[in-house]
Amino acid sequence: MTSPAASGASEAAGTRRPVRRFTSTDIALIAVFAALIAAFAMTPPIPVGNVGVPITLQTLVIGLTGLTLGPLRGFLATLLYLVLGLIGLPIFAGFSGGLGVLAGPTAGYLIAFPLFALLAGVVAGWAVKRMTGGKLWATLFIGGLIASFLTTHPLGILGISINAGIPLSAAFVADLPYWPGDVVKNIVAASLALLIHRAFPTILVRR
């Protein structure tokens, strides 16, 4: 005869949500988006200012990664790209790679990339379940832009200040030229993410 305590424990275990493991589809999407970030990093960088941080299309694809894959897979795809670059693959802007980039002015931006994708993914995971059309696009755009300004710019400014040896105020001024491009890139990322979610409505669902 089963005791009430054992029965209760059994029922509690039965109501527990199963742990969601990564499927082959999840792994493939993470790898594909990491490769996509690397590919867009190969586009010719646009030199800006005198601190050595060029404008690239990386942040566009990182925003798209988070808005498409959601927080966890978006974070892991961007982290995979970052790790591969840090171990020496020349997949950062200007075909650079290796730990030496952490001593350069772009270090803060690179470290912020996975966090940007994570926050953008949180926005997408919430919005896609509740909105459609123009409201969804506006939420993806505004959420992605806020995610960028909470992660990429603060850490980028800090990295410039530390590695270039200039005050935070001067680093902040050096970061300002990237703001208009960031707005444009988030507009494009939100538009592409909306098209992807329309074409593949379950892409955010981990099975």
Protein backbone atom coordinates (compact mmCIF):
# COMPACT_ATOMS: atom_id res chain seq x y z
CA MET A 1 0.00 0.00 0.00
CA THR A 2 1.37 3.43 -0.99
CA SER A 3 1.61 5.98 1.80
CA PRO A 4 -0.03 9.41 1.34
CA ALA A 5 3.39 11.07 1.49
CA ALA A 6 4.77 8.82 -1.24
CA SER A 7 1.63 9.35 -3.30
CA GLY A 8 1.94 13.11 -2.94
CA ALA A 9 5.59 13.03 -3.91
CA SER A 10 4.72 10.92 -6.93
CA GLU A 11 1.99 13.34 -8.01
CA ALA A 12 4.34 16.30 -7.55
CA ALA A 13 6.95 14.58 -9.67
CA GLY A 14 4.31 13.84 -12.27
CA THR A 15 3.35 17.49 -12.55
CA ARG A 16 6.93 18.64 -12.90
CA ARG A 17 7.75 20.09 -16.28
CA PRO A 18 10.18 17.95 -18.28
CA VAL A 19 13.62 19.41 -18.85
CA ARG A 20 13.83 20.70 -22.39
CA ARG A 21 16.97 19.43 -24.04
CA PHE A 22 18.52 20.84 -27.17
CA THR A 23 17.40 19.10 -30.32
CA SER A 24 19.35 18.77 -33.54
CA THR A 25 17.27 21.67 -34.89
CA ASP A 26 18.31 23.89 -31.97
CA ILE A 27 21.98 23.04 -32.48
CA ALA A 28 21.71 23.63 -36.23
CA LEU A 29 20.08 27.05 -35.73
CA ILE A 30 22.75 28.07 -33.21
CA ALA A 31 25.51 27.04 -35.63
CA VAL A 32 23.86 28.71 -38.64
CA PHE A 33 23.37 32.03 -36.88
CA ALA A 34 26.91 31.97 -35.46
CA ALA A 35 28.17 31.48 -39.02
CA LEU A 36 25.89 34.28 -40.22
CA ILE A 37 27.38 36.68 -37.66
CA ALA A 38 30.87 35.70 -38.81
CA ALA A 39 29.93 36.19 -42.45
CA PHE A 40 28.58 39.69 -41.85
CA ALA A 41 31.67 40.57 -39.82
CA MET A 42 33.64 40.03 -43.03
CA THR A 43 31.93 42.93 -44.78
CA PRO A 44 34.28 45.89 -45.23
CA PRO A 45 34.30 47.90 -41.99
CA ILE A 46 33.73 51.65 -42.12
CA PRO A 47 36.37 53.56 -40.11
CA VAL A 48 34.89 56.07 -37.67
CA GLY A 49 36.65 58.46 -35.32
CA ASN A 50 40.15 57.93 -33.98
CA VAL A 51 39.62 55.17 -31.40
CA GLY A 52 39.84 52.28 -33.87
CA VAL A 53 36.25 50.96 -33.64
CA PRO A 54 34.77 50.64 -37.16
CA ILE A 55 31.11 50.42 -38.12
CA THR A 56 30.21 46.86 -39.17
CA LEU A 57 27.07 44.83 -39.81
CA GLN A 58 27.74 42.48 -36.89
CA THR A 59 25.30 44.17 -34.54
CA LEU A 60 22.53 43.95 -37.15
CA VAL A 61 22.87 40.17 -37.30
CA ILE A 62 23.31 39.81 -33.54
CA GLY A 63 20.07 41.70 -32.99
CA LEU A 64 18.42 39.50 -35.64
CA THR A 65 19.79 36.39 -33.91
CA GLY A 66 18.21 37.26 -30.59
CA LEU A 67 14.92 38.42 -32.14
CA THR A 68 14.69 35.20 -34.18
CA LEU A 69 15.99 32.47 -31.88
CA GLY A 70 14.92 33.82 -28.48
CA PRO A 71 17.10 34.43 -25.42
CA LEU A 72 18.91 31.13 -24.82
CA ARG A 73 19.66 30.05 -28.38
CA GLY A 74 20.39 33.64 -29.41
CA PHE A 75 22.82 33.99 -26.52
CA LEU A 76 24.52 30.67 -27.32
CA ALA A 77 24.82 31.42 -31.06
CA THR A 78 26.50 34.74 -30.31
CA LEU A 79 28.65 33.23 -27.57
CA LEU A 80 29.78 30.51 -30.00
CA TYR A 81 30.83 33.18 -32.49
CA LEU A 82 32.70 35.07 -29.77
CA VAL A 83 34.51 31.97 -28.46
CA LEU A 84 35.57 30.87 -31.94
CA GLY A 85 37.00 34.32 -32.58
CA LEU A 86 38.82 34.45 -29.25
CA ILE A 87 40.50 31.09 -29.81
CA GLY A 88 42.04 32.46 -32.98
CA LEU A 89 39.69 32.15 -35.94
CA PRO A 90 39.84 35.41 -37.96
CA ILE A 91 36.11 36.06 -37.82
CA PHE A 92 36.01 39.44 -36.11
CA ALA A 93 35.86 42.71 -38.05
CA GLY A 94 38.86 43.18 -40.28
CA PHE A 95 39.57 39.42 -40.27
CA SER A 96 40.98 39.64 -36.76
CA GLY A 97 40.84 37.03 -34.02
CA GLY A 98 42.56 35.78 -30.89
CA LEU A 99 42.70 36.96 -27.30
CA GLY A 100 44.63 40.04 -28.37
CA VAL A 101 41.38 41.75 -29.38
CA LEU A 102 40.51 42.01 -25.68
CA ALA A 103 43.31 44.55 -25.36
CA GLY A 104 41.89 46.64 -28.19
CA PRO A 105 39.16 49.29 -28.31
CA THR A 106 36.51 46.86 -29.57
CA ALA A 107 36.77 44.56 -26.52
CA GLY A 108 33.75 45.96 -24.69
CA TYR A 109 31.55 45.69 -27.76
CA LEU A 110 32.55 42.08 -28.35
CA ILE A 111 31.86 41.08 -24.74
CA ALA A 112 28.46 42.77 -24.95
CA PHE A 113 27.32 40.87 -28.04
CA PRO A 114 25.93 37.76 -26.28
CA LEU A 115 24.14 39.96 -23.73
CA PHE A 116 22.60 42.00 -26.54
CA ALA A 117 21.26 38.84 -28.18
CA LEU A 118 19.99 37.59 -24.83
CA LEU A 119 17.96 40.72 -24.05
CA ALA A 120 16.67 41.01 -27.62
CA GLY A 121 15.60 37.37 -27.35
CA VAL A 122 13.69 38.06 -24.16
CA VAL A 123 11.77 40.80 -25.97
CA ALA A 124 11.02 38.52 -28.92
CA GLY A 125 9.94 35.63 -26.71
CA TRP A 126 7.41 37.88 -25.00
CA ALA A 127 6.18 39.84 -28.02
CA VAL A 128 5.76 37.08 -30.61
CA LYS A 129 3.22 35.30 -28.39
CA ARG A 130 1.11 38.43 -27.92
CA MET A 131 1.32 40.61 -31.02
CA THR A 132 1.21 40.60 -34.78
CA GLY A 133 1.78 43.01 -37.62
CA GLY A 134 2.87 46.56 -36.94
CA LYS A 135 2.67 46.23 -33.15
CA LEU A 136 5.00 43.24 -33.23
CA TRP A 137 7.45 45.04 -35.52
CA ALA A 138 7.47 48.15 -33.32
CA THR A 139 8.05 46.05 -30.20
CA LEU A 140 10.87 44.11 -31.82
CA PHE A 141 12.50 47.32 -33.01
CA ILE A 142 12.15 49.26 -29.76
CA GLY A 143 13.06 46.24 -27.64
CA GLY A 144 16.09 45.45 -29.76
CA LEU A 145 17.24 49.06 -29.68
CA ILE A 146 16.85 49.27 -25.90
CA ALA A 147 18.72 45.95 -25.54
CA SER A 148 21.57 47.39 -27.59
CA PHE A 149 21.75 50.59 -25.57
CA LEU A 150 21.71 48.64 -22.32
CA THR A 151 24.54 46.31 -23.32
CA THR A 152 26.58 47.17 -26.42
CA HIS A 153 27.08 50.87 -25.80
CA PRO A 154 27.82 50.86 -22.04
CA LEU A 155 30.32 48.00 -22.31
CA GLY A 156 31.73 49.44 -25.52
CA ILE A 157 32.32 52.80 -23.84
CA LEU A 158 33.94 51.08 -20.86
CA GLY A 159 36.21 49.07 -23.17
CA ILE A 160 37.28 52.16 -25.07
CA SER A 161 38.02 54.00 -21.83
CA ILE A 162 40.11 51.17 -20.38
CA ASN A 163 42.01 50.07 -23.47
CA ALA A 164 42.49 53.48 -25.05
CA GLY A 165 43.36 55.06 -21.71
CA ILE A 166 40.87 57.92 -21.99
CA PRO A 167 38.22 59.20 -19.54
CA LEU A 168 34.72 57.74 -19.69
CA SER A 169 33.38 61.10 -20.85
CA ALA A 170 35.72 61.05 -23.86
CA ALA A 171 34.84 57.41 -24.55
CA PHE A 172 31.15 58.33 -24.46
CA VAL A 173 31.75 61.02 -27.08
CA ALA A 174 33.70 58.51 -29.18
CA ASP A 175 30.71 56.15 -29.06
CA LEU A 176 28.16 58.74 -30.25
CA PRO A 177 28.84 58.32 -34.00
CA TYR A 178 27.61 54.71 -33.77
CA TRP A 179 24.15 55.64 -32.50
CA PRO A 180 22.43 56.57 -35.81
CA GLY A 181 23.71 53.41 -37.47
CA ASP A 182 22.50 51.38 -34.51
CA VAL A 183 18.99 52.73 -35.00
CA VAL A 184 19.04 51.84 -38.70
CA LYS A 185 20.43 48.36 -38.03
CA ASN A 186 17.73 47.65 -35.45
CA ILE A 187 15.06 48.76 -37.92
CA VAL A 188 16.43 46.27 -40.45
CA ALA A 189 16.83 43.51 -37.83
CA ALA A 190 13.23 43.93 -36.62
CA SER A 191 11.94 43.89 -40.21
CA LEU A 192 13.85 40.71 -41.06
CA ALA A 193 12.83 39.05 -37.80
CA LEU A 194 9.17 39.83 -38.52
CA LEU A 195 9.45 38.21 -41.95
CA ILE A 196 11.11 35.14 -40.45
CA HIS A 197 8.43 34.76 -37.78
CA ARG A 198 5.72 35.04 -40.43
CA ALA A 199 7.40 32.40 -42.59
CA PHE A 200 8.30 30.11 -39.65
CA PRO A 201 5.76 30.76 -36.85
CA THR A 202 7.23 28.11 -34.55
CA ILE A 203 10.91 29.03 -34.85
CA LEU A 204 10.93 30.35 -31.28
CA VAL A 205 9.50 27.09 -29.95
CA ARG A 206 12.07 24.66 -28.58
CA ARG A 207 10.72 21.14 -29.03
